[in-house]
Each structure stands twice: as C-alpha cells, then as structure tokens.
Amino acid sequence: MRHITELVLLFYITVTQYGTIAVASECGVNSSTFCAGCQLLGVCLGPDTFFQVDCDGGQYCNTIENGMAVCGDVVPAGCETTTTGSTPPVEVASLQCTGVGFYPDPYDCNTFHYCSANRAASEVYRCPEGYGFHYTSSGSDVSTCQLLKSESDCLRVTCSGLSVFDGYDSAKLFYAHCHTNMQTGLRAIAMYRCTDGATFNGYECVFQCTEEGLFANTVEPTTYYQCYHMYGGPLTLRMLYCPRNLVFDNGLKKCV
C-alpha cells in the first residue's frame, strides 16, 4: 500500500509541476504506460493525457508481456551506445506478428521482438552484450535474456529446405515456418509461439489438459480453451471464442 501511495504522489507531483501533454495515441481508455523514448517512460492518466518520467540509473524503457512499459536493463534496438572503434549493432527488421507476446528473432539470438497484436509489426529489442533471448512462459518471472555460456546457447533458425516447420527451443514453445516469399522469391522465416500449456510437436502446437476448467490462449487472447470430461470419459479439449471486441481474462475466467 505504501508503494502505491508513493506512486500516486509521484504522479500528482509530476503532473502538477510539469503539466500534461494532450492526446497520445499510445494511451488507451485505461491508464497505462508506454515507451516515449529510449530512457523515457510515458505514464497515461487517461485516453487524452500523459506525462513523462526519466528511467533511473541508466536503465531503458522496455515493453513487457501485457503491453505496458517499465524501466529495465534490456537495451531496445536503436538505443545502443558504442565506444570508439566498436562496430555498431546491425539493424534488425521487425517481424510480422503471428500472435501476441514475446518472440525470438530467427537470425540473431541477441535480439527479440514484442507483438501487441496478430499481423502487426513487432517492436524490436536487444539483450545486453553477451546475453541471448530466453523465454519460457508469461507466468514465469525469468528474464527474457540469459547469459550465453556457450555457442549452443545462441539459438537460431536454420531452414533445411526439407521441412516446412522448424523447432526453435528445447521447451518446444517456439517454432518457425520456413517458406518462399511469393513477391521476392526469397526464402523467408515466420516465427510462431505456442500458448502457455502447449508444446510444438513438429507440425502444430498441442495444448495439454491437466484438469477441468477454462484456460487462456496467451497467443490469441480472443480465444480460450475448455478442458472437460465428456460423459465421465477422459479430459476433452475444445477452443472457444470470445464475443467480438472482447478478450479472455484468465483471472476472472471469462471474456471481458
């Protein structure tokens, strides 16, 4: 409670001292945060107003799993600083999102992407030097970056040409679709992610029912899973769809 009070007080002081900035497209109906710069956090007070806060201690603004932003140690792409004589990092292109959440870059293990919506262009981020993308689930508190202890820790997609899909990680959470771009004729890679509770079996993501109930599809929030016993038989799985413009809330176990 003390931390909440201090945060509200900070908001009040900042707005009182510096005023508010009108209409930011990043602000939705509910109050939230977004990255207003490499080391600048935008705090929304509503759909029409926000103010900006500097990240402390040389930290950078990062978008997290729920689409909000926080200050952290991960350096977003384009915000790197280099010393004299060092080679600047190669610019990494956005991915076309295939779902919501964090995704690895198929070519550069030091880079990862955040997707706010399916078919959107991803936001590109880069792990600190010597670290690579590592992710297990949205419920995990493990960092999206881990120390690279060996070359084998640096995961990349290698399309063999013999298969359409290529697994990515040992947890079988991510996989790649290797295909030919119809416009350019070049080999292209699309990254996919399984929802929490599912694994890639070489062809598709398979959700495992462990108990009865409703479960979120963390990749496509407009859908969710129901696990149930049919006529006293084994657990059965089916996917359900939320009404239009609603998403499934895993805490409330309903579409909101």
C-alpha atoms as a PDB file:
ATOM      1  CA  MET A   1       0.000   0.000   0.000  1.00  0.00           C
ATOM      2  CA  ARG A   2       2.890   2.331   0.836  1.00  0.00           C
ATOM      3  CA  HIS A   3       4.388   1.843  -2.645  1.00  0.00           C
ATOM      4  CA  ILE A   4       1.036   2.565  -4.307  1.00  0.00           C
ATOM      5  CA  THR A   5       0.659   5.769  -2.265  1.00  0.00           C
ATOM      6  CA  GLU A   6       4.175   6.894  -3.224  1.00  0.00           C
ATOM      7  CA  LEU A   7       3.479   6.173  -6.900  1.00  0.00           C
ATOM      8  CA  VAL A   8       0.224   8.158  -6.852  1.00  0.00           C
ATOM      9  CA  LEU A   9       2.050  11.008  -5.107  1.00  0.00           C
ATOM     10  CA  LEU A  10       4.755  10.935  -7.782  1.00  0.00           C
ATOM     11  CA  PHE A  11       2.071  11.133 -10.487  1.00  0.00           C
ATOM     12  CA  TYR A  12       0.461  14.113  -8.720  1.00  0.00           C
ATOM     13  CA  ILE A  13       3.724  15.988  -8.255  1.00  0.00           C
ATOM     14  CA  THR A  14       4.815  15.382 -11.838  1.00  0.00           C
ATOM     15  CA  VAL A  15       1.520  16.492 -13.331  1.00  0.00           C
ATOM     16  CA  THR A  16       1.286  19.495 -11.018  1.00  0.00           C
ATOM     17  CA  GLN A  17       4.844  20.609 -11.734  1.00  0.00           C
ATOM     18  CA  TYR A  18       5.138  19.878 -15.447  1.00  0.00           C
ATOM     19  CA  GLY A  19       1.548  19.739 -16.622  1.00  0.00           C
ATOM     20  CA  THR A  20       0.135  17.162 -19.034  1.00  0.00           C
ATOM     21  CA  ILE A  21       0.631  16.561 -22.732  1.00  0.00           C
ATOM     22  CA  ALA A  22      -2.507  16.298 -24.809  1.00  0.00           C
ATOM     23  CA  VAL A  23      -3.628  13.253 -26.785  1.00  0.00           C
ATOM     24  CA  ALA A  24      -1.106  10.430 -27.025  1.00  0.00           C
ATOM     25  CA  SER A  25      -2.042   7.628 -29.396  1.00  0.00           C
ATOM     26  CA  GLU A  26      -0.328   5.113 -27.100  1.00  0.00           C
ATOM     27  CA  CYS A  27      -2.806   5.819 -24.299  1.00  0.00           C
ATOM     28  CA  GLY A  28      -5.968   3.748 -24.240  1.00  0.00           C
ATOM     29  CA  VAL A  29      -9.136   4.088 -22.229  1.00  0.00           C
ATOM     30  CA  ASN A  30      -7.448   2.742 -19.111  1.00  0.00           C
ATOM     31  CA  SER A  31      -4.377   4.272 -17.504  1.00  0.00           C
ATOM     32  CA  SER A  32      -1.177   2.524 -18.633  1.00  0.00           C
ATOM     33  CA  THR A  33       2.454   3.127 -19.521  1.00  0.00           C
ATOM     34  CA  PHE A  34       4.388   3.187 -22.789  1.00  0.00           C
ATOM     35  CA  CYS A  35       7.886   3.980 -24.042  1.00  0.00           C
ATOM     36  CA  ALA A  36       8.141   7.638 -25.001  1.00  0.00           C
ATOM     37  CA  GLY A  37      11.887   7.304 -25.700  1.00  0.00           C
ATOM     38  CA  CYS A  38      14.897   5.060 -25.087  1.00  0.00           C
ATOM     39  CA  GLN A  39      15.073   6.091 -21.423  1.00  0.00           C
ATOM     40  CA  LEU A  40      11.748   7.853 -21.133  1.00  0.00           C
ATOM     41  CA  LEU A  41       8.600   6.279 -19.678  1.00  0.00           C
ATOM     42  CA  GLY A  42       5.217   7.696 -20.644  1.00  0.00           C
ATOM     43  CA  VAL A  43       2.518   7.379 -17.955  1.00  0.00           C
ATOM     44  CA  CYS A  44      -1.093   7.621 -19.131  1.00  0.00           C
ATOM     45  CA  LEU A  45      -3.673   9.293 -16.943  1.00  0.00           C
ATOM     46  CA  GLY A  46      -6.425   8.513 -19.415  1.00  0.00           C
ATOM     47  CA  PRO A  47      -7.077   8.401 -23.161  1.00  0.00           C
ATOM     48  CA  ASP A  48      -6.191  12.074 -23.623  1.00  0.00           C
ATOM     49  CA  THR A  49      -3.332  12.887 -21.222  1.00  0.00           C
ATOM     50  CA  PHE A  50       0.027  11.532 -20.115  1.00  0.00           C
ATOM     51  CA  PHE A  51       3.301  12.682 -18.602  1.00  0.00           C
ATOM     52  CA  GLN A  52       6.889  11.502 -18.970  1.00  0.00           C
ATOM     53  CA  VAL A  53       9.324  10.096 -16.398  1.00  0.00           C
ATOM     54  CA  ASP A  54      13.079   9.507 -16.886  1.00  0.00           C
ATOM     55  CA  CYS A  55      14.334   5.973 -16.169  1.00  0.00           C
ATOM     56  CA  ASP A  56      16.779   5.970 -13.255  1.00  0.00           C
ATOM     57  CA  GLY A  57      20.306   4.602 -13.126  1.00  0.00           C
ATOM     58  CA  GLY A  58      20.911   4.388 -16.866  1.00  0.00           C
ATOM     59  CA  GLN A  59      18.014   1.968 -17.387  1.00  0.00           C
ATOM     60  CA  TYR A  60      15.979   1.770 -20.585  1.00  0.00           C
ATOM     61  CA  CYS A  61      12.263   1.728 -21.285  1.00  0.00           C
ATOM     62  CA  ASN A  62      11.008  -1.757 -22.217  1.00  0.00           C
ATOM     63  CA  THR A  63       7.596  -3.098 -23.221  1.00  0.00           C
ATOM     64  CA  ILE A  64       6.582  -6.076 -21.070  1.00  0.00           C
ATOM     65  CA  GLU A  65       4.247  -9.034 -21.631  1.00  0.00           C
ATOM     66  CA  ASN A  66       0.943  -7.235 -21.014  1.00  0.00           C
ATOM     67  CA  GLY A  67       1.819  -4.398 -23.389  1.00  0.00           C
ATOM     68  CA  MET A  68       2.720  -1.933 -20.635  1.00  0.00           C
ATOM     69  CA  ALA A  69       6.200  -0.432 -20.253  1.00  0.00           C
ATOM     70  CA  VAL A  70       8.722  -0.445 -17.408  1.00  0.00           C
ATOM     71  CA  CYS A  71      12.292   0.721 -16.921  1.00  0.00           C
ATOM     72  CA  GLY A  72      14.835  -2.120 -17.068  1.00  0.00           C
ATOM     73  CA  ASP A  73      18.325  -3.199 -18.095  1.00  0.00           C
ATOM     74  CA  VAL A  74      17.446  -4.560 -21.569  1.00  0.00           C
ATOM     75  CA  VAL A  75      18.579  -2.181 -24.316  1.00  0.00           C
ATOM     76  CA  PRO A  76      15.937  -1.740 -27.064  1.00  0.00           C
ATOM     77  CA  ALA A  77      17.120  -1.835 -30.657  1.00  0.00           C
ATOM     78  CA  GLY A  78      18.201   1.617 -31.783  1.00  0.00           C
ATOM     79  CA  CYS A  79      19.118   2.702 -28.241  1.00  0.00           C
ATOM     80  CA  GLU A  80      22.566   1.122 -28.098  1.00  0.00           C
ATOM     81  CA  THR A  81      25.666   3.152 -27.268  1.00  0.00           C
ATOM     82  CA  THR A  82      29.035   2.180 -28.691  1.00  0.00           C
ATOM     83  CA  THR A  83      32.587   3.073 -27.781  1.00  0.00           C
ATOM     84  CA  THR A  84      35.113   4.468 -30.249  1.00  0.00           C
ATOM     85  CA  GLY A  85      36.261   1.829 -32.681  1.00  0.00           C
ATOM     86  CA  SER A  86      33.481  -0.620 -31.858  1.00  0.00           C
ATOM     87  CA  THR A  87      31.142  -1.947 -34.527  1.00  0.00           C
ATOM     88  CA  PRO A  88      27.580  -0.674 -34.173  1.00  0.00           C
ATOM     89  CA  PRO A  89      24.917  -3.399 -33.964  1.00  0.00           C
ATOM     90  CA  VAL A  90      23.257  -4.466 -37.197  1.00  0.00           C
ATOM     91  CA  GLU A  91      19.778  -3.038 -37.588  1.00  0.00           C
ATOM     92  CA  VAL A  92      17.195  -5.785 -37.206  1.00  0.00           C
ATOM     93  CA  ALA A  93      13.920  -5.625 -39.115  1.00  0.00           C
ATOM     94  CA  SER A  94      10.558  -6.065 -37.441  1.00  0.00           C
ATOM     95  CA  LEU A  95       8.727  -9.358 -37.702  1.00  0.00           C
ATOM     96  CA  GLN A  96       5.181  -9.675 -38.959  1.00  0.00           C
ATOM     97  CA  CYS A  97       3.458 -10.788 -35.777  1.00  0.00           C
ATOM     98  CA  THR A  98       1.704 -14.149 -35.720  1.00  0.00           C
ATOM     99  CA  GLY A  99       0.266 -13.636 -32.241  1.00  0.00           C
ATOM    100  CA  VAL A 100       0.645 -11.683 -29.004  1.00  0.00           C
ATOM    101  CA  GLY A 101       3.703 -11.722 -26.725  1.00  0.00           C
ATOM    102  CA  PHE A 102       7.476 -12.112 -26.949  1.00  0.00           C
ATOM    103  CA  TYR A 103       9.132 -13.841 -29.931  1.00  0.00           C
ATOM    104  CA  PRO A 104      12.758 -14.694 -30.742  1.00  0.00           C
ATOM    105  CA  ASP A 105      14.479 -13.305 -33.801  1.00  0.00           C
ATOM    106  CA  PRO A 106      15.140 -16.194 -36.221  1.00  0.00           C
ATOM    107  CA  TYR A 107      18.607 -14.918 -37.216  1.00  0.00           C
ATOM    108  CA  ASP A 108      20.033 -13.097 -34.170  1.00  0.00           C
ATOM    109  CA  CYS A 109      19.794 -14.711 -30.721  1.00  0.00           C
ATOM    110  CA  ASN A 110      20.708 -11.384 -29.080  1.00  0.00           C
ATOM    111  CA  THR A 111      17.509  -9.821 -30.443  1.00  0.00           C
ATOM    112  CA  PHE A 112      13.877 -10.454 -29.568  1.00  0.00           C
ATOM    113  CA  HIS A 113      10.503  -9.000 -30.519  1.00  0.00           C
ATOM    114  CA  TYR A 114       7.319  -7.954 -28.748  1.00  0.00           C
ATOM    115  CA  CYS A 115       3.999  -8.294 -30.572  1.00  0.00           C
ATOM    116  CA  SER A 116       0.977  -6.370 -29.330  1.00  0.00           C
ATOM    117  CA  ALA A 117      -1.417  -7.892 -31.874  1.00  0.00           C
ATOM    118  CA  ASN A 118      -1.573 -10.510 -34.592  1.00  0.00           C
ATOM    119  CA  ARG A 119      -0.410  -9.271 -38.035  1.00  0.00           C
ATOM    120  CA  ALA A 120       1.125  -6.116 -36.502  1.00  0.00           C
ATOM    121  CA  ALA A 121       4.785  -5.141 -36.957  1.00  0.00           C
ATOM    122  CA  SER A 122       6.834  -6.217 -33.949  1.00  0.00           C
ATOM    123  CA  GLU A 123       8.756  -3.935 -31.599  1.00  0.00           C
ATOM    124  CA  VAL A 124      12.457  -4.866 -31.716  1.00  0.00           C
ATOM    125  CA  TYR A 125      14.573  -5.235 -28.536  1.00  0.00           C
ATOM    126  CA  ARG A 126      18.140  -6.302 -27.895  1.00  0.00           C
ATOM    127  CA  CYS A 127      19.574  -8.163 -24.910  1.00  0.00           C
ATOM    128  CA  PRO A 128      22.694  -6.779 -23.172  1.00  0.00           C
ATOM    129  CA  GLU A 129      26.024  -7.805 -24.705  1.00  0.00           C
ATOM    130  CA  GLY A 130      26.798 -11.459 -24.010  1.00  0.00           C
ATOM    131  CA  TYR A 131      23.138 -12.327 -23.388  1.00  0.00           C
ATOM    132  CA  GLY A 132      20.614 -14.077 -25.605  1.00  0.00           C
ATOM    133  CA  PHE A 133      16.845 -14.398 -25.773  1.00  0.00           C
ATOM    134  CA  HIS A 134      15.401 -16.918 -23.321  1.00  0.00           C
ATOM    135  CA  TYR A 135      11.720 -17.276 -22.538  1.00  0.00           C
ATOM    136  CA  THR A 136       9.521 -19.967 -21.015  1.00  0.00           C
ATOM    137  CA  SER A 137       6.013 -18.589 -20.371  1.00  0.00           C
ATOM    138  CA  SER A 138       4.077 -15.446 -19.492  1.00  0.00           C
ATOM    139  CA  GLY A 139       3.694 -16.769 -15.934  1.00  0.00           C
ATOM    140  CA  SER A 140       7.433 -17.087 -15.434  1.00  0.00           C
ATOM    141  CA  ASP A 141       9.472 -14.440 -13.629  1.00  0.00           C
ATOM    142  CA  VAL A 142      12.618 -15.444 -15.516  1.00  0.00           C
ATOM    143  CA  SER A 143      14.147 -12.654 -17.591  1.00  0.00           C
ATOM    144  CA  THR A 144      13.685 -12.643 -21.362  1.00  0.00           C
ATOM    145  CA  CYS A 145      17.508 -12.598 -21.613  1.00  0.00           C
ATOM    146  CA  GLN A 146      20.027 -15.062 -20.198  1.00  0.00           C
ATOM    147  CA  LEU A 147      23.824 -15.202 -20.129  1.00  0.00           C
ATOM    148  CA  LEU A 148      25.273 -17.052 -23.126  1.00  0.00           C
ATOM    149  CA  LYS A 149      27.656 -19.617 -21.654  1.00  0.00           C
ATOM    150  CA  SER A 150      28.434 -21.366 -24.942  1.00  0.00           C
ATOM    151  CA  GLU A 151      27.741 -21.070 -28.661  1.00  0.00           C
ATOM    152  CA  SER A 152      24.970 -23.675 -28.333  1.00  0.00           C
ATOM    153  CA  ASP A 153      23.048 -21.279 -26.080  1.00  0.00           C
ATOM    154  CA  CYS A 154      22.708 -18.868 -29.019  1.00  0.00           C
ATOM    155  CA  LEU A 155      19.644 -20.275 -30.789  1.00  0.00           C
ATOM    156  CA  ARG A 156      18.927 -19.556 -34.445  1.00  0.00           C
ATOM    157  CA  VAL A 157      16.547 -20.954 -37.060  1.00  0.00           C
ATOM    158  CA  THR A 158      18.172 -22.993 -39.827  1.00  0.00           C
ATOM    159  CA  CYS A 159      15.683 -23.853 -42.561  1.00  0.00           C
ATOM    160  CA  SER A 160      16.926 -27.112 -44.066  1.00  0.00           C
ATOM    161  CA  GLY A 161      14.584 -26.996 -47.036  1.00  0.00           C
ATOM    162  CA  LEU A 162      13.400 -30.489 -46.191  1.00  0.00           C
ATOM    163  CA  SER A 163      10.683 -29.440 -43.741  1.00  0.00           C
ATOM    164  CA  VAL A 164       8.088 -26.669 -43.636  1.00  0.00           C
ATOM    165  CA  PHE A 165       8.357 -26.177 -39.867  1.00  0.00           C
ATOM    166  CA  ASP A 166      11.497 -25.912 -37.777  1.00  0.00           C
ATOM    167  CA  GLY A 167      11.587 -26.214 -33.983  1.00  0.00           C
ATOM    168  CA  TYR A 168      13.415 -23.494 -32.083  1.00  0.00           C
ATOM    169  CA  ASP A 169      13.884 -24.200 -28.370  1.00  0.00           C
ATOM    170  CA  SER A 170      14.123 -27.296 -26.182  1.00  0.00           C
ATOM    171  CA  ALA A 171      10.957 -26.251 -24.321  1.00  0.00           C
ATOM    172  CA  LYS A 172       9.119 -26.503 -27.682  1.00  0.00           C
ATOM    173  CA  LEU A 173       7.401 -23.179 -27.089  1.00  0.00           C
ATOM    174  CA  PHE A 174       8.518 -21.521 -30.342  1.00  0.00           C
ATOM    175  CA  TYR A 175       8.807 -22.757 -33.911  1.00  0.00           C
ATOM    176  CA  ALA A 176       9.459 -21.327 -37.362  1.00  0.00           C
ATOM    177  CA  HIS A 177       7.648 -21.584 -40.675  1.00  0.00           C
ATOM    178  CA  CYS A 178      10.184 -21.744 -43.489  1.00  0.00           C
ATOM    179  CA  HIS A 179       8.674 -20.677 -46.795  1.00  0.00           C
ATOM    180  CA  THR A 180       9.331 -18.830 -50.028  1.00  0.00           C
ATOM    181  CA  ASN A 181       8.186 -15.218 -50.259  1.00  0.00           C
ATOM    182  CA  MET A 182       5.827 -15.125 -53.249  1.00  0.00           C
ATOM    183  CA  GLN A 183       6.739 -11.494 -54.038  1.00  0.00           C
ATOM    184  CA  THR A 184      10.529 -11.692 -53.816  1.00  0.00           C
ATOM    185  CA  GLY A 185      11.079 -15.392 -54.473  1.00  0.00           C
ATOM    186  CA  LEU A 186      13.455 -15.498 -51.488  1.00  0.00           C
ATOM    187  CA  ARG A 187      13.429 -17.930 -48.589  1.00  0.00           C
ATOM    188  CA  ALA A 188      11.602 -16.362 -45.613  1.00  0.00           C
ATOM    189  CA  ILE A 189      11.012 -17.289 -41.975  1.00  0.00           C
ATOM    190  CA  ALA A 190       7.907 -16.596 -39.887  1.00  0.00           C
ATOM    191  CA  MET A 191       8.128 -17.131 -36.124  1.00  0.00           C
ATOM    192  CA  TYR A 192       5.291 -18.731 -34.167  1.00  0.00           C
ATOM    193  CA  ARG A 193       4.684 -19.300 -30.476  1.00  0.00           C
ATOM    194  CA  CYS A 194       2.605 -21.876 -28.637  1.00  0.00           C
ATOM    195  CA  THR A 195       0.241 -20.754 -25.905  1.00  0.00           C
ATOM    196  CA  ASP A 196       1.213 -21.470 -22.307  1.00  0.00           C
ATOM    197  CA  GLY A 197       0.430 -25.125 -21.605  1.00  0.00           C
ATOM    198  CA  ALA A 198       1.052 -26.226 -25.190  1.00  0.00           C
ATOM    199  CA  THR A 199       4.112 -27.608 -26.976  1.00  0.00           C
ATOM    200  CA  PHE A 200       5.154 -27.873 -30.610  1.00  0.00           C
ATOM    201  CA  ASN A 201       5.032 -31.458 -31.884  1.00  0.00           C
ATOM    202  CA  GLY A 202       6.741 -30.870 -35.228  1.00  0.00           C
ATOM    203  CA  TYR A 203       3.588 -29.833 -37.045  1.00  0.00           C
ATOM    204  CA  GLU A 204       1.441 -27.776 -34.649  1.00  0.00           C
ATOM    205  CA  CYS A 205       1.035 -26.634 -31.052  1.00  0.00           C
ATOM    206  CA  VAL A 206      -0.748 -29.165 -28.848  1.00  0.00           C
ATOM    207  CA  PHE A 207      -2.450 -27.967 -25.642  1.00  0.00           C
ATOM    208  CA  GLN A 208      -2.350 -30.470 -22.780  1.00  0.00           C
ATOM    209  CA  CYS A 209      -5.379 -30.641 -20.462  1.00  0.00           C
ATOM    210  CA  THR A 210      -4.264 -31.451 -16.909  1.00  0.00           C
ATOM    211  CA  GLU A 211      -7.546 -30.605 -15.170  1.00  0.00           C
ATOM    212  CA  GLU A 212     -11.056 -29.380 -15.916  1.00  0.00           C
ATOM    213  CA  GLY A 213     -11.556 -25.642 -16.391  1.00  0.00           C
ATOM    214  CA  LEU A 214     -11.087 -22.675 -18.700  1.00  0.00           C
ATOM    215  CA  PHE A 215      -7.596 -21.630 -19.775  1.00  0.00           C
ATOM    216  CA  ALA A 216      -6.266 -18.568 -21.624  1.00  0.00           C
ATOM    217  CA  ASN A 217      -4.774 -18.711 -25.084  1.00  0.00           C
ATOM    218  CA  THR A 218      -1.827 -16.405 -24.391  1.00  0.00           C
ATOM    219  CA  VAL A 219      -1.025 -16.114 -28.101  1.00  0.00           C
ATOM    220  CA  GLU A 220      -4.540 -15.193 -29.258  1.00  0.00           C
ATOM    221  CA  PRO A 221      -6.457 -13.633 -26.317  1.00  0.00           C
ATOM    222  CA  THR A 222      -9.770 -13.546 -28.214  1.00  0.00           C
ATOM    223  CA  THR A 223      -9.889 -17.340 -27.836  1.00  0.00           C
ATOM    224  CA  TYR A 224      -9.569 -19.683 -24.867  1.00  0.00           C
ATOM    225  CA  TYR A 225      -9.576 -23.402 -24.055  1.00  0.00           C
ATOM    226  CA  GLN A 226     -12.052 -25.540 -22.160  1.00  0.00           C
ATOM    227  CA  CYS A 227     -10.957 -28.847 -20.644  1.00  0.00           C
ATOM    228  CA  TYR A 228     -13.799 -31.094 -19.519  1.00  0.00           C
ATOM    229  CA  HIS A 229     -14.837 -34.706 -19.014  1.00  0.00           C
ATOM    230  CA  MET A 230     -17.393 -35.825 -21.579  1.00  0.00           C
ATOM    231  CA  TYR A 231     -19.780 -38.401 -20.156  1.00  0.00           C
ATOM    232  CA  GLY A 232     -17.277 -39.369 -17.498  1.00  0.00           C
ATOM    233  CA  GLY A 233     -14.577 -40.101 -20.069  1.00  0.00           C
ATOM    234  CA  PRO A 234     -11.027 -38.705 -20.361  1.00  0.00           C
ATOM    235  CA  LEU A 235     -10.347 -34.980 -20.440  1.00  0.00           C
ATOM    236  CA  THR A 236     -11.510 -33.414 -23.696  1.00  0.00           C
ATOM    237  CA  LEU A 237     -10.263 -30.152 -25.179  1.00  0.00           C
ATOM    238  CA  ARG A 238     -12.085 -27.559 -27.249  1.00  0.00           C
ATOM    239  CA  MET A 239     -11.297 -23.989 -28.276  1.00  0.00           C
ATOM    240  CA  LEU A 240     -13.893 -21.286 -27.645  1.00  0.00           C
ATOM    241  CA  TYR A 241     -14.160 -17.742 -29.000  1.00  0.00           C
ATOM    242  CA  CYS A 242     -14.922 -14.549 -27.113  1.00  0.00           C
ATOM    243  CA  PRO A 243     -17.627 -12.230 -28.458  1.00  0.00           C
ATOM    244  CA  ARG A 244     -16.387  -9.504 -30.762  1.00  0.00           C
ATOM    245  CA  ASN A 245     -14.040  -6.898 -29.216  1.00  0.00           C
ATOM    246  CA  LEU A 246     -13.623  -8.952 -26.004  1.00  0.00           C
ATOM    247  CA  VAL A 247     -10.605 -10.915 -24.725  1.00  0.00           C
ATOM    248  CA  PHE A 248     -10.372 -13.758 -22.221  1.00  0.00           C
ATOM    249  CA  ASP A 249      -9.260 -12.820 -18.694  1.00  0.00           C
ATOM    250  CA  ASN A 250      -7.533 -15.838 -17.143  1.00  0.00           C
ATOM    251  CA  GLY A 251      -8.010 -14.485 -13.629  1.00  0.00           C
ATOM    252  CA  LEU A 252     -11.738 -13.911 -13.978  1.00  0.00           C
ATOM    253  CA  LYS A 253     -12.150 -16.935 -16.259  1.00  0.00           C
ATOM    254  CA  LYS A 254     -14.383 -15.041 -18.661  1.00  0.00           C
ATOM    255  CA  CYS A 255     -14.317 -12.712 -21.659  1.00  0.00           C
ATOM    256  CA  VAL A 256     -14.117  -9.021 -20.744  1.00  0.00           C
END
